[in-house]
Amino acid sequence: MTLLQSEIPLQRRERLAEYIRENCIFYDNDFQPIFSKGGKRFTWIFDLRPLLLDGQMLQLAAELFWERMGHLWPFQVAGIELTAVPLLGAIIVEGARQGRPTTALVVRQKRKKTGRNRLVEGSPDPDLPVVLIDDTVNSADGINKALVAVNDLYLKAVAAFTLISFKSRLASLWEKKNGLAIGHVFIPQDFNLPLSSATPILKTDFSIAWTFQSPRPNYGFAVAKSQPLIYQDSIMFGSDGGYFRCLERETGRVKWRHKVPDKTRKGIISSPLIVDGNVYFGGYCGGLYCLNASTGEVVWKKQACDWIGSSPCYANGHIFIGLEYAAKGNQGSIGKFCARTGELKGAILVKRQLHGSPVYSEAHDTIVLGTNDSTVMAINPNGSVRQTLKVGGPVKYHCALYDNLAVFGSFDGKIYVWDFVNNEVRLTVQTDDIVYSRALIVGDRAFMGSADHTVHVIDLKEMRKVWQFDAKEKVHSSPALIRGTVFVGTSSGELIGLDPVKLKLTHSFRFPERITTAAVADDKRLFVYAYDNKLWAIEPEW
C-alpha cells in the first residue's frame, strides 16, 4: 500500500512501531541465543536491518526524520557505514522531494587503504552544519565515531538523530559533553522492553593540547609504525614520508628534523632508541642513523642493508638491529654495530628478511628476537646463538621479557611463552588471527593484542590465559602501562584503557584513524600516534 502524504505524523509513527515490533525485535532462546560481543547473553535485541532494507519503512523513517529535524535545515547529514547508509540515502531523497536539497557524508569504519584513501565519502561543505545519523543509539559509540570524523574535517555538528534511543547514561553524558541533543522516534519502553541499569560509566573525556600532522602518510601500511619517544622536553618519532622529527613536548613545534631517502613510502617505521644523549633508528632506505638527540646533528650514519623495518636495542656498547637484503640467498641478518662509531662488528645471517626487533635481557646478558624464518633466537652479545625455537609463522615484532621468559606472538596466530634459558615452551595460546604486536607485562600478567579483535591476558605464574577483552577491531597497537592503566589502540581508532588488576574496561578515547602504535605519556599528557602519521597530544580524564 502506498502511503498518502496526508497521513498525520502519529499514524506514521504507529505504522513504523508496528513493523519494528513484528520484524526487528529478537528474543533470546535455546534455538537462537543472543550474545554481546563481550560474550554476555542478552534477553532481547533490536535489529533494524529488515526495516532499513524495506522501501516503504525506510520512506516512513525519512519522513519522520524531516518532521523531527527539518527546523534545522539547511544542513548535511553524516553517519557510519553500514547501518546508517540506507537511512542517509532515504533522508536525502525525501529532502529533495520536499524541496530541501541535502548532501550526505558516509564515515567509513576505517580509512580505505586503496583508491582515494578516504575516511569520509562525499563532498563536505565547510559552510554547512552536520546532523549525525544512526539507526539506534545506546552507548553513543557510533554517533561519537561520526562526530570525531566530521570534527577532524573542521565541520560543526549541531544535532544527532536516531530511530531508537536507549536513553542510556552513556548517551546522556555524550549529549552533555558535546552540547548536542539526540533526536529520536522511539525508546525501548515504547515496545515494553526492560532496560538494564548496569551500564558501566567509562572515562571518555579529553582535551587536545596540540596535534602534528606529518605529510605523505602511507595508508596502505596499517600496522605499527615508529613509536614516539619522550626525551627531556622533547618527543621524537619517524614518519612514512622519511622525516625523523623532534618536537617540543609542550607545544608540538618542530625543534629539528632529519630526512632520509624514501622510495618505498615506508620512510622510517623503526622506533627510536636513546643512549648517552644520542638517538638511534633505522630507515627503510637501509640506513642506520645516530643523531645527537638535542640538536639533530648527525653523529654517524651507516648504509647497512637495503631496508630496515626493525627497531634497535643496545647492549654492551653495541647497537643490535634487524637488517633486510634484496639478495636471493640469505635475505636478512641481525647486525651488531659499534654504538660510538657505527662500525659493523658482526652479523648472524637468516634466510628471510628480518623485520623483527631485538630486546636485551640484562639479567641473562642475552638478546632475544623473532625472525621471518619462523624462528626465535636467544643470542649472546658476542654474536653466538644460545638457543633457537621454531614456531609456525613469522615473528615480526618485539618479544616481551619476564625473568627467563619471552612472551611473543606469531603469524601462526599463537601467543608463546618461551623459557629462553632452558629452551622450553611453557605455554601457547591460540588466537583467531595473526599476532603483530608486543606483549606488555604488568606484575605477573602479560597483555597481548591480536588481529582477532581481542586483548588476551596470560598469568605467567599460573601459566594460563585468565581473561580476554573484545576490542571489536584488530589490535596491532602494543599495550602500554600509563598511570596504572593498560592502554591499547585498535584499528577502529579507539584507545581503550583496562584495569590490569580488576580486568575491566575503564577508558575509551575515540580518534578518527586507526591506532596501530603504542601510546606514550608524560606526567600530564598522553601522546597518540595514529596510522595517518598524526600525533595527538591530549590531556585525558585520567
Protein backbone atom coordinates (compact mmCIF):
# COMPACT_ATOMS: atom_id res chain seq x y z
CA MET A 1 0.00 0.00 0.00
CA THR A 2 1.36 3.42 -0.96
CA LEU A 3 1.45 5.87 1.91
CA LEU A 4 -0.51 9.08 1.43
CA GLN A 5 1.27 12.32 2.19
CA SER A 6 -1.82 13.47 4.12
CA GLU A 7 -1.24 10.89 6.87
CA ILE A 8 -0.54 12.60 10.16
CA PRO A 9 2.81 12.04 11.95
CA LEU A 10 1.20 9.89 14.65
CA GLN A 11 -0.02 7.43 12.04
CA ARG A 12 3.47 7.22 10.51
CA ARG A 13 5.00 6.59 13.90
CA GLU A 14 2.45 3.90 14.80
CA ARG A 15 2.93 2.12 11.46
CA LEU A 16 6.71 2.13 11.93
CA ALA A 17 6.35 0.91 15.52
CA GLU A 18 4.14 -1.95 14.38
CA TYR A 19 6.74 -3.01 11.80
CA ILE A 20 9.58 -2.87 14.34
CA ARG A 21 7.54 -4.87 16.85
CA GLU A 22 6.85 -7.61 14.30
CA ASN A 23 10.15 -7.71 12.40
CA CYS A 24 13.01 -6.07 14.31
CA ILE A 25 12.90 -7.34 17.92
CA PHE A 26 14.55 -10.69 18.60
CA TYR A 27 14.36 -12.59 21.88
CA ASP A 28 16.92 -14.94 23.39
CA ASN A 29 16.00 -18.64 23.44
CA ASP A 30 17.74 -22.01 23.28
CA PHE A 31 17.37 -22.16 19.50
CA GLN A 32 18.55 -18.57 18.94
CA PRO A 33 20.80 -17.46 21.80
CA ILE A 34 21.77 -13.78 21.69
CA PHE A 35 25.23 -12.71 22.83
CA SER A 36 27.02 -9.40 23.09
CA LYS A 37 30.48 -9.09 21.56
CA GLY A 38 31.85 -9.48 25.08
CA GLY A 39 30.10 -12.83 25.49
CA LYS A 40 27.26 -11.62 27.74
CA ARG A 41 23.89 -13.19 27.00
CA PHE A 42 21.11 -10.71 26.17
CA THR A 43 17.38 -11.31 26.67
CA TRP A 44 16.48 -9.27 23.56
CA ILE A 45 17.98 -7.08 20.86
CA PHE A 46 16.88 -4.63 18.20
CA ASP A 47 18.00 -5.46 14.66
CA LEU A 48 16.72 -2.75 12.32
CA ARG A 49 18.21 -4.21 9.16
CA PRO A 50 14.81 -5.55 7.97
CA LEU A 51 13.44 -2.00 8.27
CA LEU A 52 16.45 -0.44 6.56
CA LEU A 53 16.01 -2.80 3.61
CA ASP A 54 12.29 -2.22 3.22
CA GLY A 55 11.48 0.66 0.86
CA GLN A 56 8.17 1.71 2.44
CA MET A 57 9.51 1.58 6.01
CA LEU A 58 12.63 3.46 5.02
CA GLN A 59 10.47 6.17 3.44
CA LEU A 60 8.48 6.42 6.69
CA ALA A 61 11.70 6.73 8.68
CA ALA A 62 12.94 9.52 6.39
CA GLU A 63 9.65 11.39 6.70
CA LEU A 64 9.84 11.17 10.48
CA PHE A 65 13.44 12.44 10.35
CA TRP A 66 12.33 15.55 8.50
CA GLU A 67 9.44 16.06 10.91
CA ARG A 68 11.85 15.98 13.86
CA MET A 69 14.88 17.73 12.38
CA GLY A 70 13.63 19.82 9.46
CA HIS A 71 13.65 23.03 11.51
CA LEU A 72 17.48 22.89 11.48
CA TRP A 73 17.77 22.78 7.67
CA PRO A 74 19.93 23.64 5.72
CA PHE A 75 22.48 21.05 6.86
CA GLN A 76 24.37 18.00 5.70
CA VAL A 77 23.89 14.54 7.22
CA ALA A 78 26.62 12.09 8.23
CA GLY A 79 26.71 8.55 9.60
CA ILE A 80 28.88 5.46 9.98
CA GLU A 81 28.79 2.67 7.43
CA LEU A 82 26.99 0.24 7.19
CA THR A 83 23.75 0.73 9.10
CA ALA A 84 23.48 4.48 8.56
CA VAL A 85 23.87 4.29 4.77
CA PRO A 86 20.28 3.30 3.82
CA LEU A 87 18.90 5.89 6.23
CA LEU A 88 21.18 8.59 4.81
CA GLY A 89 20.03 7.73 1.30
CA ALA A 90 16.36 7.88 2.22
CA ILE A 91 16.83 11.18 4.06
CA ILE A 92 18.45 12.97 1.11
CA VAL A 93 15.87 11.59 -1.35
CA GLU A 94 12.99 12.75 0.86
CA GLY A 95 14.74 16.08 1.39
CA ALA A 96 14.95 16.61 -2.37
CA ARG A 97 11.25 15.70 -2.74
CA GLN A 98 10.37 18.34 -0.12
CA GLY A 99 12.49 20.99 -1.84
CA ARG A 100 15.26 20.81 0.76
CA PRO A 101 18.30 19.52 -1.13
CA THR A 102 20.73 17.86 1.26
CA THR A 103 24.02 16.03 0.85
CA ALA A 104 25.23 13.02 2.82
CA LEU A 105 28.63 12.06 4.20
CA VAL A 106 29.42 8.40 4.83
CA VAL A 107 32.05 7.84 7.51
CA ARG A 108 33.95 4.62 6.94
CA GLN A 109 34.67 2.32 9.86
CA LYS A 110 38.29 2.58 8.76
CA ARG A 111 40.02 4.66 6.10
CA LYS A 112 40.14 2.88 2.76
CA LYS A 113 43.68 1.65 2.05
CA THR A 114 43.27 1.71 -1.75
CA GLY A 115 41.97 4.12 -4.35
CA ARG A 116 41.44 7.62 -2.92
CA ASN A 117 42.23 6.52 0.66
CA ARG A 118 39.21 8.33 2.06
CA LEU A 119 37.83 8.10 5.58
CA VAL A 120 34.76 10.22 4.79
CA GLU A 121 32.99 9.67 1.48
CA GLY A 122 31.08 12.57 -0.05
CA SER A 123 31.73 16.27 -0.56
CA PRO A 124 31.87 18.03 2.81
CA ASP A 125 30.61 21.63 2.78
CA PRO A 126 32.60 23.70 5.30
CA ASP A 127 29.79 26.27 5.48
CA LEU A 128 27.00 23.85 6.45
CA PRO A 129 26.42 22.26 9.88
CA VAL A 130 26.10 18.49 10.24
CA VAL A 131 23.33 16.32 11.65
CA LEU A 132 24.71 12.93 12.76
CA ILE A 133 22.65 9.82 11.93
CA ASP A 134 22.50 6.30 13.41
CA ASP A 135 19.76 3.67 13.43
CA THR A 136 19.96 3.06 17.20
CA VAL A 137 21.88 4.80 19.99
CA ASN A 138 22.82 3.01 23.19
CA SER A 139 26.41 3.70 24.22
CA ALA A 140 26.60 6.50 21.60
CA ASP A 141 29.82 4.98 20.27
CA GLY A 142 28.65 5.03 16.62
CA ILE A 143 27.43 8.61 16.82
CA ASN A 144 30.64 9.59 18.58
CA LYS A 145 32.82 7.99 15.89
CA ALA A 146 30.93 10.00 13.27
CA LEU A 147 31.36 13.16 15.37
CA VAL A 148 35.12 12.65 15.69
CA ALA A 149 35.44 12.13 11.93
CA VAL A 150 33.50 15.28 10.97
CA ASN A 151 35.27 17.34 13.64
CA ASP A 152 38.58 16.27 12.08
CA LEU A 153 37.32 17.86 8.83
CA TYR A 154 36.61 21.10 10.76
CA LEU A 155 32.87 20.62 10.34
CA LYS A 156 30.43 21.55 13.10
CA ALA A 157 27.77 19.09 14.25
CA VAL A 158 24.57 20.68 15.55
CA ALA A 159 22.42 17.64 16.42
CA ALA A 160 22.07 13.87 16.13
CA PHE A 161 19.14 11.68 15.12
CA THR A 162 18.31 8.03 15.66
CA LEU A 163 15.25 5.86 15.19
CA ILE A 164 15.62 4.24 18.63
CA SER A 165 17.38 5.83 21.60
CA PHE A 166 18.03 3.72 24.68
CA LYS A 167 18.28 6.93 26.73
CA SER A 168 21.32 5.40 28.42
CA ARG A 169 23.61 7.10 30.89
CA LEU A 170 26.42 6.97 28.34
CA ALA A 171 24.29 8.69 25.69
CA SER A 172 23.17 11.34 28.18
CA LEU A 173 26.76 12.04 29.15
CA TRP A 174 27.67 12.27 25.46
CA GLU A 175 24.91 14.83 24.87
CA LYS A 176 26.06 16.90 27.84
CA LYS A 177 29.75 16.70 26.96
CA ASN A 178 29.26 17.69 23.30
CA GLY A 179 26.33 20.07 23.71
CA LEU A 180 24.27 18.07 21.22
CA ALA A 181 20.77 16.65 21.53
CA ILE A 182 19.94 13.21 20.12
CA GLY A 183 16.55 13.40 18.43
CA HIS A 184 14.70 10.08 18.33
CA VAL A 185 11.44 8.44 17.30
CA PHE A 186 11.24 5.57 19.81
CA ILE A 187 12.67 4.33 23.10
CA PRO A 188 12.66 0.64 24.19
CA GLN A 189 9.84 1.31 26.67
CA ASP A 190 7.60 2.03 23.66
CA PHE A 191 7.84 -1.70 22.99
CA ASN A 192 7.54 -2.74 26.67
CA LEU A 193 11.19 -3.79 26.74
CA PRO A 194 13.08 -3.62 30.05
CA LEU A 195 16.41 -1.83 30.27
CA SER A 196 19.42 -2.77 32.35
CA SER A 197 20.84 -0.04 34.56
CA ALA A 198 24.19 -1.79 34.91
CA THR A 199 25.94 0.00 32.03
CA PRO A 200 29.45 0.92 33.21
CA ILE A 201 30.47 4.56 33.06
CA LEU A 202 33.78 4.89 31.23
CA LYS A 203 36.20 7.77 31.22
CA THR A 204 35.96 9.22 27.72
CA ASP A 205 36.76 12.94 28.01
CA PHE A 206 39.97 14.54 26.85
CA SER A 207 41.11 17.93 25.65
CA ILE A 208 43.52 18.38 22.75
CA ALA A 209 46.69 20.26 23.67
CA TRP A 210 48.09 20.13 20.12
CA THR A 211 48.38 17.91 17.07
CA PHE A 212 51.13 17.48 14.49
CA GLN A 213 50.49 16.01 11.05
CA SER A 214 53.42 14.50 9.15
CA PRO A 215 52.83 14.69 5.38
CA ARG A 216 52.75 11.76 2.94
CA PRO A 217 51.32 9.04 5.20
CA ASN A 218 51.26 5.53 3.78
CA TYR A 219 47.61 4.49 4.13
CA GLY A 220 48.35 1.04 2.72
CA PHE A 221 50.60 0.18 5.68
CA ALA A 222 48.21 -0.34 8.59
CA VAL A 223 50.39 -1.93 11.26
CA ALA A 224 52.71 -0.50 13.90
CA LYS A 225 54.81 2.45 12.83
CA SER A 226 57.60 4.41 14.54
CA GLN A 227 56.72 4.65 18.23
CA PRO A 228 57.26 8.16 19.65
CA LEU A 229 59.94 8.52 22.30
CA ILE A 230 59.91 11.12 25.08
CA TYR A 231 63.30 12.61 25.89
CA GLN A 232 63.68 15.53 28.30
CA ASP A 233 61.37 18.30 26.99
CA SER A 234 61.03 16.66 23.55
CA ILE A 235 59.16 13.92 21.76
CA MET A 236 60.66 12.31 18.64
CA PHE A 237 59.49 9.81 16.03
CA GLY A 238 59.85 8.71 12.42
CA SER A 239 57.28 9.08 9.66
CA ASP A 240 56.20 7.36 6.44
CA GLY A 241 57.44 10.37 4.47
CA GLY A 242 61.05 9.76 5.54
CA TYR A 243 61.44 12.51 8.15
CA PHE A 244 62.60 11.90 11.69
CA ARG A 245 61.30 14.76 13.82
CA CYS A 246 61.94 16.11 17.28
CA LEU A 247 59.11 18.28 18.65
CA GLU A 248 58.75 20.43 21.71
CA ARG A 249 56.70 18.30 24.05
CA GLU A 250 54.78 21.26 25.44
CA THR A 251 53.81 22.96 22.16
CA GLY A 252 54.32 20.49 19.30
CA ARG A 253 56.66 22.90 17.50
CA VAL A 254 59.48 21.33 15.48
CA LYS A 255 62.87 21.60 17.19
CA TRP A 256 64.77 19.75 14.47
CA ARG A 257 64.24 17.18 11.75
CA HIS A 258 66.32 14.80 9.65
CA LYS A 259 65.37 13.50 6.20
CA VAL A 260 66.29 10.03 4.96
CA PRO A 261 65.92 8.81 1.36
CA ASP A 262 62.46 7.36 0.73
CA LYS A 263 61.46 5.38 -2.36
CA THR A 264 59.19 2.84 -0.62
CA ARG A 265 56.67 5.17 1.15
CA LYS A 266 57.67 3.46 4.40
CA GLY A 267 60.24 6.12 5.26
CA ILE A 268 61.03 5.43 8.92
CA ILE A 269 58.99 2.76 10.69
CA SER A 270 61.82 1.92 13.07
CA SER A 271 61.20 3.11 16.63
CA PRO A 272 63.95 5.30 18.09
CA LEU A 273 66.31 4.42 20.95
CA ILE A 274 68.30 6.90 23.04
CA VAL A 275 71.63 6.02 24.62
CA ASP A 276 74.01 8.58 26.20
CA GLY A 277 72.30 11.53 24.52
CA ASN A 278 72.27 10.01 21.05
CA VAL A 279 69.18 8.72 19.23
CA TYR A 280 69.40 5.60 17.02
CA PHE A 281 66.92 4.42 14.38
CA GLY A 282 66.81 2.66 11.04
CA GLY A 283 65.43 3.97 7.75
CA TYR A 284 63.59 1.86 5.20
CA CYS A 285 66.30 3.08 2.81
CA GLY A 286 68.62 0.64 4.61
CA GLY A 287 70.46 3.34 6.55
CA LEU A 288 71.21 3.13 10.27
CA TYR A 289 71.41 6.56 11.91
CA CYS A 290 72.91 8.01 15.07
CA LEU A 291 71.95 11.65 15.76
CA ASN A 292 72.55 13.99 18.66
CA ALA A 293 69.19 13.87 20.45
CA SER A 294 69.32 17.54 21.47
CA THR A 295 70.38 19.11 18.17
CA GLY A 296 69.66 16.54 15.45
CA GLU A 297 73.26 16.76 14.28
CA VAL A 298 74.48 13.56 12.58
CA VAL A 299 76.98 11.67 14.74
CA TRP A 300 77.29 8.87 12.20
CA LYS A 301 75.22 7.08 9.57
CA LYS A 302 75.77 3.68 8.00
CA GLN A 303 74.30 2.19 4.83
CA ALA A 304 73.73 -1.17 6.46
CA CYS A 305 71.46 -3.03 4.01
CA ASP A 306 68.60 -2.49 1.55
CA TRP A 307 65.80 -1.95 4.10
CA ILE A 308 65.41 -1.62 7.85
CA GLY A 309 61.98 -2.22 9.36
CA SER A 310 63.40 -3.30 12.70
CA SER A 311 63.98 -1.19 15.81
CA PRO A 312 67.34 -1.08 17.61
CA CYS A 313 68.36 -2.30 21.04
CA TYR A 314 71.55 -1.56 22.99
CA ALA A 315 73.86 -3.97 24.80
CA ASN A 316 77.45 -3.70 25.98
CA GLY A 317 78.38 -0.71 23.83
CA HIS A 318 76.71 -2.00 20.69
CA ILE A 319 73.54 -1.45 18.69
CA PHE A 320 71.71 -4.57 17.52
CA ILE A 321 69.09 -4.30 14.77
CA GLY A 322 67.41 -6.47 12.12
CA LEU A 323 68.59 -5.97 8.52
CA GLU A 324 66.97 -6.85 5.20
CA TYR A 325 68.62 -7.51 1.83
CA ALA A 326 67.46 -7.83 -1.78
CA ALA A 327 69.70 -10.90 -2.18
CA LYS A 328 68.38 -14.25 -3.43
CA GLY A 329 70.11 -16.27 -0.71
CA ASN A 330 70.32 -15.02 2.85
CA GLN A 331 67.90 -12.08 2.84
CA GLY A 332 68.32 -10.90 6.41
CA SER A 333 70.60 -10.70 9.41
CA ILE A 334 70.86 -9.41 12.94
CA GLY A 335 73.54 -6.74 12.74
CA LYS A 336 75.89 -5.68 15.56
CA PHE A 337 77.27 -2.13 15.30
CA CYS A 338 79.58 -0.11 17.50
CA ALA A 339 77.32 2.46 19.19
CA ARG A 340 80.11 5.06 19.16
CA THR A 341 81.31 4.78 15.55
CA GLY A 342 78.71 2.74 13.60
CA GLU A 343 81.29 0.16 12.60
CA LEU A 344 79.77 -3.24 11.79
CA LYS A 345 81.14 -5.71 14.34
CA GLY A 346 79.30 -8.83 13.26
CA ALA A 347 76.11 -10.31 11.84
CA ILE A 348 74.10 -13.51 12.11
CA LEU A 349 72.53 -14.39 8.76
CA VAL A 350 68.98 -15.65 8.31
CA LYS A 351 67.22 -16.83 5.17
CA ARG A 352 64.38 -14.30 5.06
CA GLN A 353 64.24 -10.54 5.51
CA LEU A 354 64.38 -9.76 9.21
CA HIS A 355 61.64 -7.38 10.29
CA GLY A 356 61.64 -8.41 13.96
CA SER A 357 63.22 -6.26 16.64
CA PRO A 358 65.75 -7.41 19.26
CA VAL A 359 65.32 -6.92 23.01
CA TYR A 360 68.05 -7.27 25.63
CA SER A 361 67.86 -9.16 28.91
CA GLU A 362 70.46 -7.61 31.18
CA ALA A 363 69.85 -10.29 33.83
CA HIS A 364 70.83 -13.06 31.41
CA ASP A 365 73.08 -10.98 29.12
CA THR A 366 71.03 -12.27 26.20
CA ILE A 367 69.39 -10.73 23.13
CA VAL A 368 66.08 -12.25 22.07
CA LEU A 369 64.42 -11.63 18.72
CA GLY A 370 61.97 -13.21 16.32
CA THR A 371 62.52 -13.65 12.59
CA ASN A 372 60.55 -14.08 9.38
CA ASP A 373 62.09 -17.57 9.29
CA SER A 374 59.50 -18.54 11.93
CA THR A 375 62.35 -18.81 14.42
CA VAL A 376 63.01 -17.02 17.69
CA MET A 377 66.64 -16.75 18.76
CA ALA A 378 68.42 -16.15 22.05
CA ILE A 379 71.82 -14.63 21.19
CA ASN A 380 74.92 -13.88 23.20
CA PRO A 381 76.08 -10.28 22.67
CA ASN A 382 79.38 -11.68 21.36
CA GLY A 383 77.45 -12.93 18.34
CA SER A 384 76.90 -16.62 19.08
CA VAL A 385 73.46 -18.21 19.12
CA ARG A 386 72.48 -19.64 22.50
CA GLN A 387 69.03 -21.08 21.80
CA THR A 388 66.53 -21.23 18.94
CA LEU A 389 62.83 -22.03 18.83
CA LYS A 390 60.96 -22.94 15.66
CA VAL A 391 57.32 -21.76 15.56
CA GLY A 392 54.56 -21.90 12.98
CA GLY A 393 54.88 -18.46 11.39
CA PRO A 394 56.95 -15.26 11.17
CA VAL A 395 57.57 -13.27 14.37
CA LYS A 396 57.67 -9.65 13.21
CA TYR A 397 57.56 -7.67 16.43
CA HIS A 398 59.38 -7.48 19.76
CA CYS A 399 59.33 -10.13 22.43
CA ALA A 400 58.49 -9.05 25.99
CA LEU A 401 60.84 -10.40 28.67
CA TYR A 402 59.90 -11.57 32.16
CA ASP A 403 62.86 -13.07 34.03
CA ASN A 404 63.86 -16.04 31.83
CA LEU A 405 60.61 -15.97 29.83
CA ALA A 406 59.98 -14.39 26.43
CA VAL A 407 56.34 -13.66 25.51
CA PHE A 408 55.68 -13.09 21.82
CA GLY A 409 53.12 -13.53 19.08
CA SER A 410 53.45 -15.11 15.67
CA PHE A 411 51.73 -15.01 12.30
CA ASP A 412 50.58 -18.56 13.06
CA GLY A 413 48.04 -16.92 15.37
CA LYS A 414 49.64 -18.17 18.57
CA ILE A 415 51.00 -16.40 21.63
CA TYR A 416 54.05 -18.17 23.04
CA VAL A 417 55.64 -18.15 26.47
CA TRP A 418 59.20 -19.42 25.95
CA ASP A 419 61.82 -20.11 28.59
CA PHE A 420 64.75 -18.90 26.51
CA VAL A 421 67.30 -20.00 29.14
CA ASN A 422 66.19 -23.64 29.28
CA ASN A 423 64.71 -23.68 25.75
CA GLU A 424 61.28 -24.80 26.89
CA VAL A 425 57.88 -23.63 25.65
CA ARG A 426 55.84 -23.11 28.81
CA LEU A 427 52.54 -22.11 27.19
CA THR A 428 50.88 -21.47 23.85
CA VAL A 429 47.59 -19.63 23.39
CA GLN A 430 45.80 -19.97 20.06
CA THR A 431 44.11 -16.81 18.78
CA ASP A 432 41.91 -16.49 15.70
CA ASP A 433 44.25 -14.35 13.58
CA ILE A 434 47.85 -13.16 13.28
CA VAL A 435 49.57 -11.55 16.25
CA TYR A 436 51.52 -8.44 15.21
CA SER A 437 52.16 -6.51 18.41
CA ARG A 438 54.33 -6.61 21.51
CA ALA A 439 53.15 -8.00 24.83
CA LEU A 440 53.07 -5.82 27.94
CA ILE A 441 53.92 -7.43 31.27
CA VAL A 442 52.26 -5.95 34.35
CA GLY A 443 53.07 -7.80 37.55
CA ASP A 444 52.67 -11.47 36.71
CA ARG A 445 50.32 -10.85 33.79
CA ALA A 446 51.04 -10.45 30.08
CA PHE A 447 48.66 -8.37 27.94
CA MET A 448 48.78 -9.06 24.19
CA GLY A 449 46.64 -7.78 21.33
CA SER A 450 45.76 -9.79 18.23
CA ALA A 451 44.23 -9.18 14.83
CA ASP A 452 41.36 -11.38 16.08
CA HIS A 453 39.92 -8.22 17.74
CA THR A 454 40.95 -9.38 21.20
CA VAL A 455 43.30 -8.42 24.01
CA HIS A 456 44.46 -11.67 25.61
CA VAL A 457 45.69 -11.77 29.23
CA ILE A 458 48.01 -14.51 30.46
CA ASP A 459 49.02 -15.26 34.06
CA LEU A 460 52.74 -16.05 33.93
CA LYS A 461 52.78 -17.65 37.37
CA GLU A 462 49.86 -20.00 36.78
CA MET A 463 50.73 -20.38 33.08
CA ARG A 464 47.20 -19.99 31.82
CA LYS A 465 45.05 -17.50 29.99
CA VAL A 466 42.90 -15.70 32.58
CA TRP A 467 40.89 -13.16 30.56
CA GLN A 468 40.20 -11.77 27.15
CA PHE A 469 38.69 -8.45 26.15
CA ASP A 470 36.73 -7.95 22.94
CA ALA A 471 38.22 -4.81 21.39
CA LYS A 472 35.78 -5.08 18.43
CA GLU A 473 38.57 -4.41 15.92
CA LYS A 474 42.09 -5.55 15.06
CA VAL A 475 44.71 -4.79 17.69
CA HIS A 476 48.14 -4.10 16.18
CA SER A 477 48.99 -1.43 18.73
CA SER A 478 51.13 -2.71 21.59
CA PRO A 479 49.71 -2.15 25.07
CA ALA A 480 51.32 0.48 27.31
CA LEU A 481 51.08 0.91 31.09
CA ILE A 482 50.23 4.55 31.82
CA ARG A 483 49.24 5.74 35.29
CA GLY A 484 48.37 2.23 36.37
CA THR A 485 46.09 1.60 33.37
CA VAL A 486 46.83 -0.59 30.35
CA PHE A 487 46.11 1.48 27.22
CA VAL A 488 45.87 -0.18 23.82
CA GLY A 489 44.73 1.15 20.44
CA THR A 490 42.50 -0.53 17.89
CA SER A 491 42.06 -0.33 14.14
CA SER A 492 38.71 1.42 14.65
CA GLY A 493 40.50 4.43 16.16
CA GLU A 494 39.61 3.69 19.78
CA LEU A 495 42.17 3.89 22.57
CA ILE A 496 40.87 1.67 25.34
CA GLY A 497 42.02 1.57 28.95
CA LEU A 498 41.95 -1.63 31.00
CA ASP A 499 42.38 -2.09 34.75
CA PRO A 500 45.24 -4.64 34.96
CA VAL A 501 44.16 -5.87 38.40
CA LYS A 502 40.36 -5.97 38.19
CA LEU A 503 40.48 -6.83 34.47
CA LYS A 504 37.77 -4.47 33.33
CA LEU A 505 37.33 -1.67 30.81
CA THR A 506 37.87 1.79 32.32
CA HIS A 507 38.61 4.25 29.47
CA SER A 508 37.54 4.79 25.87
CA PHE A 509 39.09 7.63 23.85
CA ARG A 510 37.92 7.99 20.25
CA PHE A 511 40.14 9.13 17.36
CA PRO A 512 39.30 9.35 13.64
CA GLU A 513 42.04 6.98 12.42
CA ARG A 514 43.44 3.54 13.18
CA ILE A 515 45.75 3.39 16.19
CA THR A 516 48.45 0.84 15.40
CA THR A 517 51.33 2.20 17.50
CA ALA A 518 51.69 2.15 21.29
CA ALA A 519 50.73 5.30 23.19
CA VAL A 520 53.26 7.10 25.39
CA ALA A 521 52.77 9.63 28.18
CA ASP A 522 54.46 12.12 30.45
CA ASP A 523 53.19 13.35 33.82
CA LYS A 524 50.49 15.49 32.16
CA ARG A 525 49.70 14.32 28.65
CA LEU A 526 49.10 11.22 26.63
CA PHE A 527 50.56 11.04 23.12
CA VAL A 528 48.80 9.00 20.44
CA TYR A 529 50.45 8.46 17.05
CA ALA A 530 47.76 7.35 14.58
CA TYR A 531 48.43 5.42 11.40
CA ASP A 532 47.91 8.55 9.27
CA ASN A 533 51.09 9.95 10.89
CA LYS A 534 49.14 12.42 13.02
CA LEU A 535 50.46 12.83 16.56
CA TRP A 536 47.85 13.81 19.15
CA ALA A 537 48.90 15.39 22.46
CA ILE A 538 45.86 15.06 24.70
CA GLU A 539 45.05 15.74 28.32
CA PRO A 540 42.64 12.97 29.27
CA GLU A 541 40.25 12.30 32.09
CA TRP A 542 42.58 10.03 34.00
